[in-house]
C-alpha atoms as a PDB file:
ATOM      1  CA  UNK A   1      12.000  25.937   7.635  1.00  0.00           C
ATOM      2  CA  UNK A   2       8.536  24.651   6.919  1.00  0.00           C
ATOM      3  CA  UNK A   3       7.101  27.937   8.152  1.00  0.00           C
ATOM      4  CA  UNK A   4       9.376  29.904   5.813  1.00  0.00           C
ATOM      5  CA  UNK A   5       8.340  27.714   2.875  1.00  0.00           C
ATOM      6  CA  UNK A   6       4.690  28.380   3.677  1.00  0.00           C
ATOM      7  CA  UNK A   7       5.360  32.104   4.041  1.00  0.00           C
ATOM      8  CA  UNK A   8       6.908  32.222   0.589  1.00  0.00           C
ATOM      9  CA  UNK A   9       4.318  30.047  -1.140  1.00  0.00           C
ATOM     10  CA  UNK A  10       1.540  32.074   0.450  1.00  0.00           C
ATOM     11  CA  UNK A  11       2.935  35.233  -1.130  1.00  0.00           C
ATOM     12  CA  UNK A  12       3.363  33.933  -4.685  1.00  0.00           C
ATOM     13  CA  UNK A  13      -0.266  33.225  -5.523  1.00  0.00           C
ATOM     14  CA  UNK A  14      -1.786  36.619  -4.577  1.00  0.00           C
ATOM     15  CA  UNK A  15       1.020  38.541  -6.280  1.00  0.00           C
ATOM     16  CA  UNK A  16       0.483  36.438  -9.366  1.00  0.00           C
ATOM     17  CA  UNK A  17      -3.221  37.265  -9.295  1.00  0.00           C
ATOM     18  CA  UNK A  18      -2.461  40.971  -9.001  1.00  0.00           C
ATOM     19  CA  UNK A  19      -0.110  40.813 -11.994  1.00  0.00           C
ATOM     20  CA  UNK A  20      -2.669  38.960 -14.104  1.00  0.00           C
ATOM     21  CA  UNK A  21      -5.387  41.448 -13.202  1.00  0.00           C
ATOM     22  CA  UNK A  22      -3.145  44.412 -13.985  1.00  0.00           C
ATOM     23  CA  UNK A  23      -1.397  43.129 -17.117  1.00  0.00           C
ATOM     24  CA  UNK A  24      -4.145  41.468 -19.155  1.00  0.00           C
ATOM     25  CA  UNK A  25      -7.372  42.951 -20.509  1.00  0.00           C
ATOM     26  CA  UNK A  26     -10.661  41.583 -19.234  1.00  0.00           C
ATOM     27  CA  UNK A  27     -11.290  39.596 -22.434  1.00  0.00           C
ATOM     28  CA  UNK A  28      -8.255  37.357 -21.908  1.00  0.00           C
ATOM     29  CA  UNK A  29      -7.854  37.639 -18.143  1.00  0.00           C
ATOM     30  CA  UNK A  30      -9.832  34.480 -17.366  1.00  0.00           C
ATOM     31  CA  UNK A  31      -7.658  32.396 -19.680  1.00  0.00           C
ATOM     32  CA  UNK A  32      -4.425  33.604 -18.100  1.00  0.00           C
ATOM     33  CA  UNK A  33      -5.820  33.271 -14.561  1.00  0.00           C
ATOM     34  CA  UNK A  34      -6.940  29.743 -15.426  1.00  0.00           C
ATOM     35  CA  UNK A  35      -3.494  28.803 -16.691  1.00  0.00           C
ATOM     36  CA  UNK A  36      -1.896  30.192 -13.527  1.00  0.00           C
ATOM     37  CA  UNK A  37      -4.313  28.292 -11.268  1.00  0.00           C
ATOM     38  CA  UNK A  38      -3.892  25.098 -13.272  1.00  0.00           C
ATOM     39  CA  UNK A  39      -0.122  25.387 -12.917  1.00  0.00           C
ATOM     40  CA  UNK A  40      -0.267  24.494  -9.224  1.00  0.00           C
ATOM     41  CA  UNK A  41      -2.070  21.222  -9.840  1.00  0.00           C
ATOM     42  CA  UNK A  42      -0.017  20.497 -12.947  1.00  0.00           C
ATOM     43  CA  UNK A  43       2.991  20.532 -10.620  1.00  0.00           C
ATOM     44  CA  UNK A  44       1.263  18.090  -8.283  1.00  0.00           C
ATOM     45  CA  UNK A  45       0.492  15.884 -11.290  1.00  0.00           C
ATOM     46  CA  UNK A  46       4.145  15.941 -12.319  1.00  0.00           C
ATOM     47  CA  UNK A  47       5.322  15.038  -8.821  1.00  0.00           C
ATOM     48  CA  UNK A  48       2.793  12.198  -8.630  1.00  0.00           C
ATOM     49  CA  UNK A  49       4.194  10.661 -11.812  1.00  0.00           C
ATOM     50  CA  UNK A  50       7.767  10.995 -10.617  1.00  0.00           C
ATOM     51  CA  UNK A  51       7.005   9.375  -7.255  1.00  0.00           C
ATOM     52  CA  UNK A  52       5.021   6.681  -9.051  1.00  0.00           C
ATOM     53  CA  UNK A  53       8.247   5.502 -10.680  1.00  0.00           C
ATOM     54  CA  UNK A  54      10.508   6.410  -7.759  1.00  0.00           C
ATOM     55  CA  UNK A  55       8.455   5.725  -4.601  1.00  0.00           C
ATOM     56  CA  UNK A  56       9.177   7.747  -1.495  1.00  0.00           C
ATOM     57  CA  UNK A  57      10.350   5.593   1.392  1.00  0.00           C
ATOM     58  CA  UNK A  58      11.646   6.293   4.919  1.00  0.00           C
ATOM     59  CA  UNK A  59      15.145   5.817   3.504  1.00  0.00           C
ATOM     60  CA  UNK A  60      14.711   7.827   0.313  1.00  0.00           C
ATOM     61  CA  UNK A  61      12.791  11.080   0.449  1.00  0.00           C
ATOM     62  CA  UNK A  62      15.219  14.007   0.663  1.00  0.00           C
ATOM     63  CA  UNK A  63      15.668  14.064  -3.112  1.00  0.00           C
ATOM     64  CA  UNK A  64      12.064  15.226  -3.441  1.00  0.00           C
ATOM     65  CA  UNK A  65      12.810  18.353  -1.400  1.00  0.00           C
ATOM     66  CA  UNK A  66      15.666  19.284  -3.727  1.00  0.00           C
ATOM     67  CA  UNK A  67      13.428  18.694  -6.739  1.00  0.00           C
ATOM     68  CA  UNK A  68      10.644  20.832  -5.266  1.00  0.00           C
ATOM     69  CA  UNK A  69      13.094  23.634  -4.513  1.00  0.00           C
ATOM     70  CA  UNK A  70      14.466  23.804  -8.066  1.00  0.00           C
ATOM     71  CA  UNK A  71      11.792  26.274  -9.330  1.00  0.00           C
ATOM     72  CA  UNK A  72      13.298  28.902  -7.011  1.00  0.00           C
ATOM     73  CA  UNK A  73      15.653  29.582  -9.924  1.00  0.00           C
ATOM     74  CA  UNK A  74      12.654  31.100 -11.701  1.00  0.00           C
ATOM     75  CA  UNK A  75      12.793  33.918  -9.177  1.00  0.00           C
ATOM     76  CA  UNK A  76      15.890  35.263 -10.893  1.00  0.00           C
ATOM     77  CA  UNK A  77      14.070  35.535 -14.209  1.00  0.00           C
ATOM     78  CA  UNK A  78      10.988  37.044 -12.573  1.00  0.00           C
ATOM     79  CA  UNK A  79      13.089  39.721 -10.892  1.00  0.00           C
ATOM     80  CA  UNK A  80      15.038  40.629 -14.009  1.00  0.00           C
ATOM     81  CA  UNK A  81      12.616  40.066 -16.904  1.00  0.00           C
ATOM     82  CA  UNK A  82       9.042  40.351 -15.661  1.00  0.00           C
ATOM     83  CA  UNK A  83       7.735  43.937 -15.834  1.00  0.00           C
ATOM     84  CA  UNK A  84       5.476  45.525 -13.256  1.00  0.00           C
ATOM     85  CA  UNK A  85       1.763  45.731 -13.957  1.00  0.00           C
ATOM     86  CA  UNK A  86       0.927  48.686 -16.259  1.00  0.00           C
ATOM     87  CA  UNK A  87      -2.113  49.365 -14.084  1.00  0.00           C
ATOM     88  CA  UNK A  88       0.048  49.654 -10.980  1.00  0.00           C
ATOM     89  CA  UNK A  89       2.650  51.789 -12.739  1.00  0.00           C
ATOM     90  CA  UNK A  90      -0.061  54.103 -14.074  1.00  0.00           C
ATOM     91  CA  UNK A  91      -1.513  54.421 -10.600  1.00  0.00           C
ATOM     92  CA  UNK A  92       1.868  55.432  -9.219  1.00  0.00           C
ATOM     93  CA  UNK A  93       2.208  58.164 -11.866  1.00  0.00           C
ATOM     94  CA  UNK A  94      -1.112  59.648 -10.779  1.00  0.00           C
ATOM     95  CA  UNK A  95       0.277  60.459  -7.328  1.00  0.00           C
ATOM     96  CA  UNK A  96       1.045  64.150  -6.643  1.00  0.00           C
ATOM     97  CA  UNK A  97       4.613  64.865  -7.723  1.00  0.00           C
ATOM     98  CA  UNK A  98       5.324  67.213  -4.803  1.00  0.00           C
ATOM     99  CA  UNK A  99       4.763  64.499  -2.190  1.00  0.00           C
ATOM    100  CA  UNK A 100       7.529  62.117  -1.093  1.00  0.00           C
ATOM    101  CA  UNK A 101       6.831  58.557  -2.331  1.00  0.00           C
ATOM    102  CA  UNK A 102       6.582  57.104   1.163  1.00  0.00           C
ATOM    103  CA  UNK A 103       4.130  59.772   2.328  1.00  0.00           C
ATOM    104  CA  UNK A 104       1.926  59.496  -0.747  1.00  0.00           C
ATOM    105  CA  UNK A 105       1.895  55.721  -0.402  1.00  0.00           C
ATOM    106  CA  UNK A 106       0.841  55.985   3.237  1.00  0.00           C
ATOM    107  CA  UNK A 107      -2.035  58.275   2.339  1.00  0.00           C
ATOM    108  CA  UNK A 108      -3.101  55.964  -0.441  1.00  0.00           C
ATOM    109  CA  UNK A 109      -2.986  53.050   1.909  1.00  0.00           C
ATOM    110  CA  UNK A 110      -5.138  54.865   4.456  1.00  0.00           C
ATOM    111  CA  UNK A 111      -7.746  55.603   1.799  1.00  0.00           C
ATOM    112  CA  UNK A 112      -7.801  51.974   0.683  1.00  0.00           C
ATOM    113  CA  UNK A 113      -7.106  50.072   3.877  1.00  0.00           C
ATOM    114  CA  UNK A 114      -8.463  46.547   3.733  1.00  0.00           C
ATOM    115  CA  UNK A 115     -10.491  47.308   6.851  1.00  0.00           C
ATOM    116  CA  UNK A 116     -11.573  50.821   5.972  1.00  0.00           C
ATOM    117  CA  UNK A 117     -15.265  51.613   6.143  1.00  0.00           C
ATOM    118  CA  UNK A 118     -15.773  50.960   2.432  1.00  0.00           C
ATOM    119  CA  UNK A 119     -13.637  47.786   2.181  1.00  0.00           C
ATOM    120  CA  UNK A 120     -13.974  45.884   5.456  1.00  0.00           C
ATOM    121  CA  UNK A 121     -17.069  43.939   4.384  1.00  0.00           C
ATOM    122  CA  UNK A 122     -15.411  43.043   1.078  1.00  0.00           C
ATOM    123  CA  UNK A 123     -12.318  41.811   2.893  1.00  0.00           C
ATOM    124  CA  UNK A 124     -14.341  39.611   5.235  1.00  0.00           C
ATOM    125  CA  UNK A 125     -16.340  38.197   2.320  1.00  0.00           C
ATOM    126  CA  UNK A 126     -13.125  37.389   0.443  1.00  0.00           C
ATOM    127  CA  UNK A 127     -11.777  35.586   3.521  1.00  0.00           C
ATOM    128  CA  UNK A 128     -14.939  33.504   3.823  1.00  0.00           C
ATOM    129  CA  UNK A 129     -15.089  32.576   0.136  1.00  0.00           C
ATOM    130  CA  UNK A 130     -11.431  31.507   0.188  1.00  0.00           C
ATOM    131  CA  UNK A 131     -11.619  29.586   3.447  1.00  0.00           C
ATOM    132  CA  UNK A 132     -14.533  27.322   2.491  1.00  0.00           C
ATOM    133  CA  UNK A 133     -12.840  25.409  -0.366  1.00  0.00           C
ATOM    134  CA  UNK A 134      -9.488  25.264   1.429  1.00  0.00           C
ATOM    135  CA  UNK A 135     -10.857  23.931   4.708  1.00  0.00           C
ATOM    136  CA  UNK A 136     -13.158  21.510   2.904  1.00  0.00           C
ATOM    137  CA  UNK A 137     -10.402  20.169   0.656  1.00  0.00           C
ATOM    138  CA  UNK A 138      -7.962  19.468   3.461  1.00  0.00           C
ATOM    139  CA  UNK A 139     -10.592  18.234   5.910  1.00  0.00           C
ATOM    140  CA  UNK A 140     -12.383  15.965   3.432  1.00  0.00           C
ATOM    141  CA  UNK A 141     -10.857  15.386  -0.005  1.00  0.00           C
ATOM    142  CA  UNK A 142      -7.305  14.641   1.130  1.00  0.00           C
ATOM    143  CA  UNK A 143      -8.389  11.550   3.063  1.00  0.00           C
ATOM    144  CA  UNK A 144      -8.404   9.747  -0.291  1.00  0.00           C
ATOM    145  CA  UNK A 145      -4.602   9.373  -0.218  1.00  0.00           C
ATOM    146  CA  UNK A 146      -4.206   7.563   3.149  1.00  0.00           C
ATOM    147  CA  UNK A 147      -7.376   5.620   2.324  1.00  0.00           C
ATOM    148  CA  UNK A 148      -5.883   4.434  -0.966  1.00  0.00           C
ATOM    149  CA  UNK A 149      -2.562   3.660   0.705  1.00  0.00           C
ATOM    150  CA  UNK A 150      -4.055   1.754   3.644  1.00  0.00           C
ATOM    151  CA  UNK A 151      -4.820  -1.345   1.594  1.00  0.00           C
ATOM    152  CA  UNK A 152      -2.477  -1.136  -1.358  1.00  0.00           C
ATOM    153  CA  UNK A 153       0.833  -0.093   0.200  1.00  0.00           C
ATOM    154  CA  UNK A 154       1.914  -3.642   1.035  1.00  0.00           C
ATOM    155  CA  UNK A 155       1.467  -4.895  -2.528  1.00  0.00           C
ATOM    156  CA  UNK A 156       1.829  -1.695  -4.577  1.00  0.00           C
ATOM    157  CA  UNK A 157       3.810   1.178  -3.082  1.00  0.00           C
ATOM    158  CA  UNK A 158       2.983   3.386  -6.067  1.00  0.00           C
ATOM    159  CA  UNK A 159      -0.813   3.097  -5.732  1.00  0.00           C
ATOM    160  CA  UNK A 160      -1.133   6.277  -3.674  1.00  0.00           C
ATOM    161  CA  UNK A 161       0.903   8.158  -6.305  1.00  0.00           C
ATOM    162  CA  UNK A 162      -1.397   6.831  -9.025  1.00  0.00           C
ATOM    163  CA  UNK A 163      -4.383   8.019  -6.983  1.00  0.00           C
ATOM    164  CA  UNK A 164      -2.765  11.426  -6.482  1.00  0.00           C
ATOM    165  CA  UNK A 165      -2.081  11.573 -10.218  1.00  0.00           C
ATOM    166  CA  UNK A 166      -5.727  10.958 -11.147  1.00  0.00           C
ATOM    167  CA  UNK A 167      -6.819  13.647  -8.699  1.00  0.00           C
ATOM    168  CA  UNK A 168      -4.200  16.129  -9.908  1.00  0.00           C
ATOM    169  CA  UNK A 169      -5.185  15.555 -13.549  1.00  0.00           C
ATOM    170  CA  UNK A 170      -8.795  16.405 -12.702  1.00  0.00           C
ATOM    171  CA  UNK A 171      -7.654  19.332 -10.544  1.00  0.00           C
ATOM    172  CA  UNK A 172      -5.538  20.786 -13.346  1.00  0.00           C
ATOM    173  CA  UNK A 173      -8.554  20.820 -15.651  1.00  0.00           C
ATOM    174  CA  UNK A 174     -10.856  22.079 -12.894  1.00  0.00           C
ATOM    175  CA  UNK A 175      -8.603  24.979 -11.918  1.00  0.00           C
ATOM    176  CA  UNK A 176      -8.371  26.088 -15.522  1.00  0.00           C
ATOM    177  CA  UNK A 177     -12.071  25.704 -16.339  1.00  0.00           C
ATOM    178  CA  UNK A 178     -13.192  27.395 -13.128  1.00  0.00           C
ATOM    179  CA  UNK A 179     -11.838  30.716 -14.379  1.00  0.00           C
ATOM    180  CA  UNK A 180     -13.710  30.400 -17.687  1.00  0.00           C
ATOM    181  CA  UNK A 181     -17.121  29.585 -16.269  1.00  0.00           C
ATOM    182  CA  UNK A 182     -16.803  32.275 -13.597  1.00  0.00           C
ATOM    183  CA  UNK A 183     -16.950  34.823 -16.387  1.00  0.00           C
ATOM    184  CA  UNK A 184     -19.883  33.159 -18.143  1.00  0.00           C
ATOM    185  CA  UNK A 185     -22.381  32.182 -15.472  1.00  0.00           C
ATOM    186  CA  UNK A 186     -21.990  34.969 -12.932  1.00  0.00           C
ATOM    187  CA  UNK A 187     -20.059  34.880  -9.699  1.00  0.00           C
ATOM    188  CA  UNK A 188     -22.879  33.920  -7.340  1.00  0.00           C
ATOM    189  CA  UNK A 189     -24.452  31.158  -9.431  1.00  0.00           C
ATOM    190  CA  UNK A 190     -21.125  29.587 -10.203  1.00  0.00           C
ATOM    191  CA  UNK A 191     -20.097  29.477  -6.540  1.00  0.00           C
ATOM    192  CA  UNK A 192     -23.410  27.802  -5.695  1.00  0.00           C
ATOM    193  CA  UNK A 193     -22.994  25.188  -8.423  1.00  0.00           C
ATOM    194  CA  UNK A 194     -19.371  24.454  -7.500  1.00  0.00           C
ATOM    195  CA  UNK A 195     -20.304  24.061  -3.833  1.00  0.00           C
ATOM    196  CA  UNK A 196     -23.169  21.680  -4.592  1.00  0.00           C
ATOM    197  CA  UNK A 197     -21.082  19.703  -7.075  1.00  0.00           C
ATOM    198  CA  UNK A 198     -18.206  19.361  -4.609  1.00  0.00           C
ATOM    199  CA  UNK A 199     -20.505  17.942  -1.937  1.00  0.00           C
ATOM    200  CA  UNK A 200     -21.980  15.412  -4.364  1.00  0.00           C
ATOM    201  CA  UNK A 201     -18.718  14.241  -5.929  1.00  0.00           C
ATOM    202  CA  UNK A 202     -16.877  13.978  -2.599  1.00  0.00           C
ATOM    203  CA  UNK A 203     -19.695  11.965  -1.036  1.00  0.00           C
ATOM    204  CA  UNK A 204     -19.745   9.757  -4.110  1.00  0.00           C
ATOM    205  CA  UNK A 205     -16.011   9.161  -3.913  1.00  0.00           C
ATOM    206  CA  UNK A 206     -16.122   8.028  -0.296  1.00  0.00           C
ATOM    207  CA  UNK A 207     -19.493   6.246  -0.153  1.00  0.00           C
ATOM    208  CA  UNK A 208     -20.036   4.763  -3.618  1.00  0.00           C
ATOM    209  CA  UNK A 209     -16.562   3.533  -4.575  1.00  0.00           C
ATOM    210  CA  UNK A 210     -13.860   1.393  -3.057  1.00  0.00           C
ATOM    211  CA  UNK A 211     -10.092   1.274  -3.373  1.00  0.00           C
ATOM    212  CA  UNK A 212      -8.615  -1.027  -6.020  1.00  0.00           C
ATOM    213  CA  UNK A 213     -11.927  -1.111  -7.878  1.00  0.00           C
ATOM    214  CA  UNK A 214     -12.122   0.044 -11.463  1.00  0.00           C
ATOM    215  CA  UNK A 215     -14.405   2.993 -10.703  1.00  0.00           C
ATOM    216  CA  UNK A 216     -12.245   4.412  -7.924  1.00  0.00           C
ATOM    217  CA  UNK A 217      -9.720   6.407  -9.941  1.00  0.00           C
ATOM    218  CA  UNK A 218     -12.245   7.828 -12.446  1.00  0.00           C
ATOM    219  CA  UNK A 219     -14.287   9.008  -9.452  1.00  0.00           C
ATOM    220  CA  UNK A 220     -11.177  10.565  -7.903  1.00  0.00           C
ATOM    221  CA  UNK A 221     -10.608  12.353 -11.217  1.00  0.00           C
ATOM    222  CA  UNK A 222     -14.166  13.720 -11.254  1.00  0.00           C
ATOM    223  CA  UNK A 223     -13.907  14.860  -7.636  1.00  0.00           C
ATOM    224  CA  UNK A 224     -10.594  16.600  -8.319  1.00  0.00           C
ATOM    225  CA  UNK A 225     -11.993  18.397 -11.338  1.00  0.00           C
ATOM    226  CA  UNK A 226     -15.173  19.511  -9.583  1.00  0.00           C
ATOM    227  CA  UNK A 227     -13.755  20.629  -6.241  1.00  0.00           C
ATOM    228  CA  UNK A 228     -10.910  22.677  -7.745  1.00  0.00           C
ATOM    229  CA  UNK A 229     -13.215  24.782  -9.903  1.00  0.00           C
ATOM    230  CA  UNK A 230     -13.247  26.941  -6.771  1.00  0.00           C
ATOM    231  CA  UNK A 231      -9.657  28.017  -7.292  1.00  0.00           C
ATOM    232  CA  UNK A 232     -10.081  29.048 -10.912  1.00  0.00           C
ATOM    233  CA  UNK A 233     -13.144  31.000  -9.771  1.00  0.00           C
ATOM    234  CA  UNK A 234     -11.145  32.685  -7.002  1.00  0.00           C
ATOM    235  CA  UNK A 235      -8.359  33.595  -9.431  1.00  0.00           C
ATOM    236  CA  UNK A 236     -10.840  35.689 -11.426  1.00  0.00           C
ATOM    237  CA  UNK A 237     -13.073  36.965  -8.655  1.00  0.00           C
ATOM    238  CA  UNK A 238     -10.736  37.929  -5.810  1.00  0.00           C
ATOM    239  CA  UNK A 239      -8.655  40.512  -7.736  1.00  0.00           C
ATOM    240  CA  UNK A 240     -11.854  42.161  -8.982  1.00  0.00           C
ATOM    241  CA  UNK A 241     -12.954  42.834  -5.403  1.00  0.00           C
ATOM    242  CA  UNK A 242     -10.034  45.082  -4.462  1.00  0.00           C
ATOM    243  CA  UNK A 243      -8.627  48.364  -5.852  1.00  0.00           C
ATOM    244  CA  UNK A 244      -5.186  48.308  -7.449  1.00  0.00           C
ATOM    245  CA  UNK A 245      -3.320  49.693  -4.411  1.00  0.00           C
ATOM    246  CA  UNK A 246      -4.340  46.803  -2.159  1.00  0.00           C
ATOM    247  CA  UNK A 247      -5.113  44.070  -4.693  1.00  0.00           C
ATOM    248  CA  UNK A 248      -2.184  41.790  -3.865  1.00  0.00           C
ATOM    249  CA  UNK A 249      -2.591  42.430  -0.118  1.00  0.00           C
ATOM    250  CA  UNK A 250      -6.330  41.756  -0.257  1.00  0.00           C
ATOM    251  CA  UNK A 251      -5.972  38.549  -2.242  1.00  0.00           C
ATOM    252  CA  UNK A 252      -3.117  37.393  -0.037  1.00  0.00           C
ATOM    253  CA  UNK A 253      -4.946  38.085   3.201  1.00  0.00           C
ATOM    254  CA  UNK A 254      -8.126  36.407   1.993  1.00  0.00           C
ATOM    255  CA  UNK A 255      -6.417  33.300   0.662  1.00  0.00           C
ATOM    256  CA  UNK A 256      -3.972  32.850   3.515  1.00  0.00           C
ATOM    257  CA  UNK A 257      -6.527  33.388   6.263  1.00  0.00           C
ATOM    258  CA  UNK A 258      -8.151  30.406   4.587  1.00  0.00           C
ATOM    259  CA  UNK A 259      -4.895  28.525   5.091  1.00  0.00           C
ATOM    260  CA  UNK A 260      -4.920  29.317   8.811  1.00  0.00           C
ATOM    261  CA  UNK A 261      -8.484  28.056   9.007  1.00  0.00           C
ATOM    262  CA  UNK A 262      -7.369  24.973   7.101  1.00  0.00           C
ATOM    263  CA  UNK A 263      -4.780  24.180   9.747  1.00  0.00           C
ATOM    264  CA  UNK A 264      -7.494  24.206  12.387  1.00  0.00           C
ATOM    265  CA  UNK A 265      -9.734  22.093  10.164  1.00  0.00           C
ATOM    266  CA  UNK A 266      -7.029  19.490   9.611  1.00  0.00           C
ATOM    267  CA  UNK A 267      -6.349  19.171  13.348  1.00  0.00           C
ATOM    268  CA  UNK A 268     -10.071  18.957  14.067  1.00  0.00           C
ATOM    269  CA  UNK A 269     -10.660  16.333  11.379  1.00  0.00           C
ATOM    270  CA  UNK A 270      -7.700  14.288  12.579  1.00  0.00           C
ATOM    271  CA  UNK A 271      -8.919  14.343  16.162  1.00  0.00           C
ATOM    272  CA  UNK A 272     -12.341  13.135  14.986  1.00  0.00           C
ATOM    273  CA  UNK A 273     -10.951  10.109  13.147  1.00  0.00           C
ATOM    274  CA  UNK A 274     -11.288   7.770  16.190  1.00  0.00           C
ATOM    275  CA  UNK A 275     -14.899   8.942  16.580  1.00  0.00           C
ATOM    276  CA  UNK A 276     -15.579   7.520  13.120  1.00  0.00           C
ATOM    277  CA  UNK A 277     -13.937   4.226  13.972  1.00  0.00           C
ATOM    278  CA  UNK A 278     -10.739   5.204  12.143  1.00  0.00           C
ATOM    279  CA  UNK A 279     -12.701   4.881   8.918  1.00  0.00           C
ATOM    280  CA  UNK A 280     -11.393   7.136   6.164  1.00  0.00           C
ATOM    281  CA  UNK A 281     -14.597   6.925   4.089  1.00  0.00           C
ATOM    282  CA  UNK A 282     -16.772   7.910   7.037  1.00  0.00           C
ATOM    283  CA  UNK A 283     -14.771  10.941   8.105  1.00  0.00           C
ATOM    284  CA  UNK A 284     -14.236  11.951   4.482  1.00  0.00           C
ATOM    285  CA  UNK A 285     -17.964  11.829   3.806  1.00  0.00           C
ATOM    286  CA  UNK A 286     -18.790  13.741   6.992  1.00  0.00           C
ATOM    287  CA  UNK A 287     -16.291  16.502   6.248  1.00  0.00           C
ATOM    288  CA  UNK A 288     -17.527  16.695   2.641  1.00  0.00           C
ATOM    289  CA  UNK A 289     -20.565  18.529   3.991  1.00  0.00           C
ATOM    290  CA  UNK A 290     -18.289  21.510   4.707  1.00  0.00           C
ATOM    291  CA  UNK A 291     -18.410  22.274   0.997  1.00  0.00           C
ATOM    292  CA  UNK A 292     -22.099  22.959   1.553  1.00  0.00           C
ATOM    293  CA  UNK A 293     -21.227  26.111   3.487  1.00  0.00           C
ATOM    294  CA  UNK A 294     -20.619  27.666   0.097  1.00  0.00           C
ATOM    295  CA  UNK A 295     -24.357  27.501  -0.594  1.00  0.00           C
ATOM    296  CA  UNK A 296     -24.869  29.923   2.297  1.00  0.00           C
ATOM    297  CA  UNK A 297     -21.859  32.158   1.661  1.00  0.00           C
ATOM    298  CA  UNK A 298     -22.925  32.685  -1.953  1.00  0.00           C
ATOM    299  CA  UNK A 299     -25.814  34.921  -0.897  1.00  0.00           C
ATOM    300  CA  UNK A 300     -23.344  37.703   0.011  1.00  0.00           C
ATOM    301  CA  UNK A 301     -21.547  37.617  -3.350  1.00  0.00           C
ATOM    302  CA  UNK A 302     -22.217  40.599  -5.627  1.00  0.00           C
ATOM    303  CA  UNK A 303     -23.312  38.966  -8.862  1.00  0.00           C
ATOM    304  CA  UNK A 304     -21.550  41.517 -11.070  1.00  0.00           C
ATOM    305  CA  UNK A 305     -17.855  42.308 -10.927  1.00  0.00           C
END
């Protein structure tokens, strides 16, 4: 069941990106992409506030699954009310009328295969750019929650939800703003700045603050805002890399290959925890350096898109 949930969630984001890219003009595309990216973290923020008032315990947790599944009802409205992208529809009309739809689609797909001679390098670059923030976030940033809970859970069961709420508030803003600045500063420079900022803020969170101190949650907020600029950036940049026929497939492959890499990163980070003396700050700070890989990957980004 968990696999099926992941399969479905992994398909929503790239299809949403393709719709945004095909339905909105370039002038407003960054705003809409930012809103869509911020929506994910706004949901996390909402959940954090709910669980703050109704803590999850070993005896009371199933209700959260029902709550998280409620948005599936939106699928009915999407299917019945949301139109297809005008760009995609226009592309379909350009196909030769004397060819069967399945044959013409196959030929189109062959011309624009994600691993064709003119797209394979783009596809690999998209995978790399998506994997770096995902692996880094789950290998480094997410240690803040068990770290916050380790001391406070006995006296304040809601402290981890408060911590998650501060991070999600910053992440909501970061996801939205990342799309705006991607259009203003250029793709390459922005990726460099986000990578450097994520290293600095994550190191600061783990090495310069401490749980239950006044500066801890503001620092968590800053780290959440800075490290999630990546995802607003990706929401603008990834669709621009691929032609219309393979836009959703390209974005989906790039983003979800990053998820596979994330799974490996999480297992690796977890296995290294004893090496760091079971210290959450130490392993979090060490894994924060993964964000620095973005400084290298940025050299392959075309600066205009």
